[in-house]
Amino acid sequence: SARRVLGDTRVARFFSENSYAELSTLGKEYQNLIGRIDRIVIDNNLIEIIDFKTDKIKNEREIPKLAATYRRQVEEYCKTLKDIFPERKIKGYIYFTDGPFEKRIQQVS
């Protein structure tokens, strides 16, 4: 839920003044793949992106499997940003809104 996300201090930077919402991308490798990065933070030499997933999670053992399903999507976002900003470090995350607190954030790159 939105309340759960906004209450999680680990992702507060994605809602700060140097963050942006729903940035559309067009990948170089997959020209027909248009994506929308949920949140992006641009800070000096680092760009971080996060993609929020609202899948219903019955138990935490499902999270690695779900993360693998979405990993390529976030990796493509990171590659596209690296092409645009080659001098910056790019980090990507998946955030499962329904996951247990300690498993909600999965780093992709």
N, C-alpha and C. Protein backbone atom coordinates (compact mmCIF):
# COMPACT_ATOMS: atom_id res chain seq x y z
N SER A 1 0.83 -1.19 0.00
CA SER A 1 0.00 0.00 0.00
C SER A 1 0.87 1.25 0.00
N ALA A 2 0.30 2.35 -0.39
CA ALA A 2 1.04 3.62 -0.44
C ALA A 2 1.53 4.01 0.95
N ARG A 3 0.73 3.81 1.95
CA ARG A 3 1.11 4.15 3.32
C ARG A 3 2.34 3.35 3.75
N ARG A 4 2.36 2.09 3.39
CA ARG A 4 3.48 1.22 3.74
C ARG A 4 4.77 1.73 3.07
N VAL A 5 4.68 2.10 1.81
CA VAL A 5 5.85 2.59 1.07
C VAL A 5 6.32 3.92 1.65
N LEU A 6 5.41 4.86 1.81
CA LEU A 6 5.79 6.19 2.29
C LEU A 6 6.30 6.16 3.73
N GLY A 7 5.92 5.15 4.49
CA GLY A 7 6.40 5.02 5.86
C GLY A 7 7.74 4.31 5.97
N ASP A 8 8.25 3.81 4.88
CA ASP A 8 9.52 3.07 4.87
C ASP A 8 10.67 4.05 4.64
N THR A 9 11.41 4.35 5.69
CA THR A 9 12.49 5.34 5.59
C THR A 9 13.61 4.91 4.64
N ARG A 10 13.71 3.62 4.35
CA ARG A 10 14.76 3.14 3.44
C ARG A 10 14.56 3.65 2.02
N VAL A 11 13.35 4.06 1.68
CA VAL A 11 13.08 4.55 0.32
C VAL A 11 12.67 6.02 0.31
N ALA A 12 12.88 6.71 1.41
CA ALA A 12 12.49 8.13 1.50
C ALA A 12 13.16 8.97 0.42
N ARG A 13 14.41 8.63 0.07
CA ARG A 13 15.13 9.42 -0.94
C ARG A 13 14.43 9.40 -2.30
N PHE A 14 13.64 8.37 -2.57
CA PHE A 14 12.91 8.29 -3.84
C PHE A 14 11.71 9.24 -3.89
N PHE A 15 11.46 9.91 -2.79
CA PHE A 15 10.37 10.88 -2.72
C PHE A 15 10.89 12.26 -2.30
N SER A 16 12.20 12.46 -2.41
CA SER A 16 12.82 13.73 -2.03
C SER A 16 12.75 14.73 -3.19
N GLU A 17 13.26 15.93 -2.96
CA GLU A 17 13.18 16.98 -3.98
C GLU A 17 14.02 16.69 -5.21
N ASN A 18 15.04 15.83 -5.11
CA ASN A 18 15.85 15.50 -6.29
C ASN A 18 15.43 14.16 -6.90
N SER A 19 14.15 13.83 -6.72
CA SER A 19 13.62 12.59 -7.30
C SER A 19 12.54 12.94 -8.33
N TYR A 20 12.30 11.97 -9.19
CA TYR A 20 11.32 12.16 -10.26
C TYR A 20 10.45 10.92 -10.35
N ALA A 21 9.23 11.09 -10.81
CA ALA A 21 8.28 9.98 -10.91
C ALA A 21 7.97 9.66 -12.36
N GLU A 22 7.76 8.37 -12.60
CA GLU A 22 7.27 7.85 -13.88
C GLU A 22 8.00 8.42 -15.09
N LEU A 23 9.29 8.13 -15.13
CA LEU A 23 10.13 8.54 -16.25
C LEU A 23 10.02 7.49 -17.35
N SER A 24 9.56 7.89 -18.51
CA SER A 24 9.43 6.96 -19.64
C SER A 24 10.78 6.73 -20.29
N THR A 25 11.03 5.48 -20.71
CA THR A 25 12.29 5.13 -21.37
C THR A 25 12.00 4.33 -22.62
N LEU A 26 12.94 4.36 -23.53
CA LEU A 26 12.89 3.54 -24.73
C LEU A 26 14.24 2.87 -24.84
N GLY A 27 14.28 1.55 -24.69
CA GLY A 27 15.54 0.84 -24.69
C GLY A 27 16.19 0.76 -26.06
N LYS A 28 17.51 0.75 -26.07
CA LYS A 28 18.27 0.66 -27.32
C LYS A 28 18.22 -0.77 -27.87
N GLU A 29 18.38 -1.74 -26.98
CA GLU A 29 18.42 -3.14 -27.41
C GLU A 29 17.05 -3.62 -27.90
N TYR A 30 16.00 -3.24 -27.19
CA TYR A 30 14.65 -3.65 -27.54
C TYR A 30 13.88 -2.39 -27.92
N GLN A 31 13.91 -2.05 -29.19
CA GLN A 31 13.37 -0.77 -29.66
C GLN A 31 11.87 -0.64 -29.42
N ASN A 32 11.17 -1.75 -29.33
CA ASN A 32 9.72 -1.69 -29.10
C ASN A 32 9.37 -1.70 -27.62
N LEU A 33 10.39 -1.80 -26.78
CA LEU A 33 10.16 -1.85 -25.34
C LEU A 33 10.16 -0.44 -24.77
N ILE A 34 9.01 0.01 -24.41
CA ILE A 34 8.89 1.31 -23.75
C ILE A 34 8.60 1.02 -22.29
N GLY A 35 9.40 1.59 -21.43
CA GLY A 35 9.21 1.34 -20.01
C GLY A 35 8.92 2.62 -19.26
N ARG A 36 8.48 2.45 -18.05
CA ARG A 36 8.22 3.61 -17.19
C ARG A 36 8.84 3.31 -15.83
N ILE A 37 9.91 4.03 -15.53
CA ILE A 37 10.58 3.89 -14.24
C ILE A 37 9.69 4.57 -13.19
N ASP A 38 9.35 3.83 -12.14
CA ASP A 38 8.45 4.39 -11.13
C ASP A 38 9.04 5.62 -10.45
N ARG A 39 10.25 5.48 -9.91
CA ARG A 39 10.90 6.61 -9.22
C ARG A 39 12.39 6.58 -9.54
N ILE A 40 12.96 7.76 -9.67
CA ILE A 40 14.39 7.90 -9.95
C ILE A 40 14.94 9.03 -9.09
N VAL A 41 16.15 8.80 -8.55
CA VAL A 41 16.85 9.81 -7.76
C VAL A 41 18.17 10.09 -8.46
N ILE A 42 18.43 11.36 -8.72
CA ILE A 42 19.69 11.77 -9.33
C ILE A 42 20.45 12.58 -8.29
N ASP A 43 21.61 12.06 -7.89
CA ASP A 43 22.38 12.69 -6.82
C ASP A 43 23.87 12.60 -7.13
N ASN A 44 24.47 13.69 -7.54
CA ASN A 44 25.90 13.76 -7.86
C ASN A 44 26.32 12.68 -8.85
N ASN A 45 27.11 11.71 -8.40
CA ASN A 45 27.63 10.67 -9.30
C ASN A 45 26.77 9.40 -9.31
N LEU A 46 25.64 9.43 -8.64
CA LEU A 46 24.82 8.23 -8.49
C LEU A 46 23.39 8.49 -8.97
N ILE A 47 22.88 7.54 -9.73
CA ILE A 47 21.46 7.54 -10.11
C ILE A 47 20.87 6.24 -9.60
N GLU A 48 19.78 6.34 -8.86
CA GLU A 48 19.10 5.15 -8.35
C GLU A 48 17.67 5.14 -8.87
N ILE A 49 17.23 3.93 -9.24
CA ILE A 49 15.85 3.77 -9.67
C ILE A 49 15.19 2.69 -8.83
N ILE A 50 13.89 2.81 -8.72
CA ILE A 50 13.13 1.79 -7.99
C ILE A 50 11.84 1.53 -8.74
N ASP A 51 11.48 0.27 -8.81
CA ASP A 51 10.24 -0.14 -9.47
C ASP A 51 9.38 -0.83 -8.42
N PHE A 52 8.20 -0.31 -8.19
CA PHE A 52 7.30 -0.85 -7.18
C PHE A 52 6.42 -1.94 -7.78
N LYS A 53 6.33 -3.06 -7.07
CA LYS A 53 5.51 -4.19 -7.50
C LYS A 53 4.47 -4.48 -6.43
N THR A 54 3.25 -4.67 -6.87
CA THR A 54 2.13 -4.85 -5.93
C THR A 54 1.61 -6.29 -5.91
N ASP A 55 2.41 -7.24 -6.37
CA ASP A 55 2.00 -8.64 -6.34
C ASP A 55 1.60 -9.04 -4.92
N LYS A 56 0.59 -9.87 -4.82
CA LYS A 56 0.21 -10.43 -3.52
C LYS A 56 1.21 -11.54 -3.19
N ILE A 57 1.83 -11.44 -2.04
CA ILE A 57 2.87 -12.40 -1.65
C ILE A 57 2.35 -13.22 -0.48
N LYS A 58 2.24 -14.53 -0.72
CA LYS A 58 1.72 -15.43 0.31
C LYS A 58 2.78 -15.78 1.34
N ASN A 59 4.02 -15.98 0.87
CA ASN A 59 5.13 -16.23 1.80
C ASN A 59 6.42 -15.71 1.18
N GLU A 60 7.39 -15.46 2.02
CA GLU A 60 8.62 -14.81 1.56
C GLU A 60 9.43 -15.65 0.59
N ARG A 61 9.17 -16.94 0.50
CA ARG A 61 9.89 -17.79 -0.47
C ARG A 61 9.54 -17.43 -1.91
N GLU A 62 8.42 -16.76 -2.11
CA GLU A 62 8.02 -16.33 -3.46
C GLU A 62 8.86 -15.16 -3.97
N ILE A 63 9.44 -14.39 -3.08
CA ILE A 63 10.11 -13.15 -3.46
C ILE A 63 11.27 -13.35 -4.43
N PRO A 64 12.20 -14.29 -4.20
CA PRO A 64 13.28 -14.46 -5.18
C PRO A 64 12.77 -14.82 -6.58
N LYS A 65 11.73 -15.62 -6.64
CA LYS A 65 11.15 -16.00 -7.93
C LYS A 65 10.52 -14.78 -8.62
N LEU A 66 9.78 -13.99 -7.87
CA LEU A 66 9.18 -12.77 -8.42
C LEU A 66 10.27 -11.78 -8.83
N ALA A 67 11.30 -11.64 -8.01
CA ALA A 67 12.40 -10.73 -8.33
C ALA A 67 13.05 -11.14 -9.64
N ALA A 68 13.23 -12.43 -9.85
CA ALA A 68 13.82 -12.91 -11.10
C ALA A 68 12.94 -12.55 -12.30
N THR A 69 11.63 -12.59 -12.10
CA THR A 69 10.69 -12.23 -13.17
C THR A 69 10.84 -10.77 -13.59
N TYR A 70 11.07 -9.90 -12.63
CA TYR A 70 11.14 -8.46 -12.91
C TYR A 70 12.56 -7.94 -13.12
N ARG A 71 13.55 -8.74 -12.82
CA ARG A 71 14.95 -8.32 -12.87
C ARG A 71 15.33 -7.73 -14.23
N ARG A 72 14.96 -8.39 -15.30
CA ARG A 72 15.36 -7.94 -16.63
C ARG A 72 14.80 -6.55 -16.94
N GLN A 73 13.59 -6.30 -16.52
CA GLN A 73 12.96 -5.00 -16.74
C GLN A 73 13.81 -3.89 -16.09
N VAL A 74 14.17 -4.07 -14.84
CA VAL A 74 14.96 -3.06 -14.12
C VAL A 74 16.37 -2.98 -14.70
N GLU A 75 16.94 -4.11 -15.09
CA GLU A 75 18.26 -4.10 -15.73
C GLU A 75 18.24 -3.28 -17.01
N GLU A 76 17.17 -3.40 -17.79
CA GLU A 76 17.05 -2.62 -19.03
C GLU A 76 16.96 -1.13 -18.74
N TYR A 77 16.22 -0.78 -17.70
CA TYR A 77 16.16 0.63 -17.30
C TYR A 77 17.56 1.14 -16.95
N CYS A 78 18.30 0.33 -16.20
CA CYS A 78 19.65 0.72 -15.79
C CYS A 78 20.58 0.87 -17.00
N LYS A 79 20.48 -0.06 -17.95
CA LYS A 79 21.31 0.03 -19.16
C LYS A 79 21.00 1.30 -19.94
N THR A 80 19.73 1.61 -20.07
CA THR A 80 19.33 2.82 -20.80
C THR A 80 19.90 4.06 -20.12
N LEU A 81 19.80 4.11 -18.81
CA LEU A 81 20.34 5.26 -18.07
C LEU A 81 21.86 5.33 -18.18
N LYS A 82 22.52 4.16 -18.20
CA LYS A 82 23.99 4.14 -18.33
C LYS A 82 24.40 4.68 -19.69
N ASP A 83 23.62 4.41 -20.73
CA ASP A 83 23.90 4.97 -22.06
C ASP A 83 23.80 6.49 -22.04
N ILE A 84 22.86 7.01 -21.29
CA ILE A 84 22.64 8.45 -21.22
C ILE A 84 23.66 9.12 -20.30
N PHE A 85 23.97 8.46 -19.19
CA PHE A 85 24.88 9.00 -18.17
C PHE A 85 26.04 8.04 -17.93
N PRO A 86 26.96 7.88 -18.89
CA PRO A 86 28.02 6.88 -18.75
C PRO A 86 28.97 7.13 -17.58
N GLU A 87 29.06 8.36 -17.12
CA GLU A 87 30.00 8.70 -16.04
C GLU A 87 29.41 8.45 -14.65
N ARG A 88 28.15 8.11 -14.58
CA ARG A 88 27.51 7.93 -13.28
C ARG A 88 27.28 6.46 -12.97
N LYS A 89 27.29 6.16 -11.67
CA LYS A 89 26.95 4.82 -11.21
C LYS A 89 25.42 4.71 -11.20
N ILE A 90 24.91 3.58 -11.65
CA ILE A 90 23.46 3.36 -11.71
C ILE A 90 23.12 2.17 -10.81
N LYS A 91 22.15 2.34 -9.94
CA LYS A 91 21.67 1.25 -9.09
C LYS A 91 20.17 1.09 -9.31
N GLY A 92 19.73 -0.15 -9.36
CA GLY A 92 18.32 -0.44 -9.55
C GLY A 92 17.77 -1.34 -8.46
N TYR A 93 16.53 -1.10 -8.09
CA TYR A 93 15.88 -1.87 -7.03
C TYR A 93 14.45 -2.23 -7.44
N ILE A 94 13.99 -3.34 -6.88
CA ILE A 94 12.58 -3.72 -6.96
C ILE A 94 12.06 -3.64 -5.53
N TYR A 95 10.87 -3.08 -5.37
CA TYR A 95 10.26 -2.95 -4.05
C TYR A 95 8.90 -3.66 -4.09
N PHE A 96 8.79 -4.73 -3.29
CA PHE A 96 7.54 -5.48 -3.21
C PHE A 96 6.69 -4.92 -2.07
N THR A 97 5.64 -4.22 -2.42
CA THR A 97 4.83 -3.52 -1.42
C THR A 97 4.14 -4.47 -0.45
N ASP A 98 3.91 -5.72 -0.86
CA ASP A 98 3.21 -6.68 -0.01
C ASP A 98 4.17 -7.63 0.70
N GLY A 99 5.47 -7.46 0.52
CA GLY A 99 6.44 -8.37 1.11
C GLY A 99 6.71 -8.06 2.57
N PRO A 100 7.32 -9.03 3.29
CA PRO A 100 7.74 -8.76 4.66
C PRO A 100 8.78 -7.63 4.65
N PHE A 101 8.80 -6.82 5.67
CA PHE A 101 9.62 -5.60 5.70
C PHE A 101 11.06 -5.84 5.24
N GLU A 102 11.71 -6.83 5.80
CA GLU A 102 13.13 -7.04 5.50
C GLU A 102 13.38 -7.60 4.10
N LYS A 103 12.34 -8.04 3.41
CA LYS A 103 12.50 -8.61 2.06
C LYS A 103 11.89 -7.73 0.97
N ARG A 104 11.29 -6.61 1.34
CA ARG A 104 10.61 -5.77 0.34
C ARG A 104 11.54 -5.22 -0.73
N ILE A 105 12.74 -4.80 -0.34
CA ILE A 105 13.67 -4.19 -1.29
C ILE A 105 14.64 -5.26 -1.80
N GLN A 106 14.70 -5.40 -3.11
CA GLN A 106 15.62 -6.32 -3.76
C GLN A 106 16.51 -5.51 -4.70
N GLN A 107 17.82 -5.52 -4.45
CA GLN A 107 18.72 -4.79 -5.34
C GLN A 107 18.97 -5.61 -6.60
N VAL A 108 18.87 -4.95 -7.74
CA VAL A 108 19.05 -5.61 -9.04
C VAL A 108 20.44 -5.34 -9.59
N SER A 109 20.87 -4.10 -9.53
CA SER A 109 22.19 -3.78 -10.05
C SER A 109 22.83 -2.69 -9.22
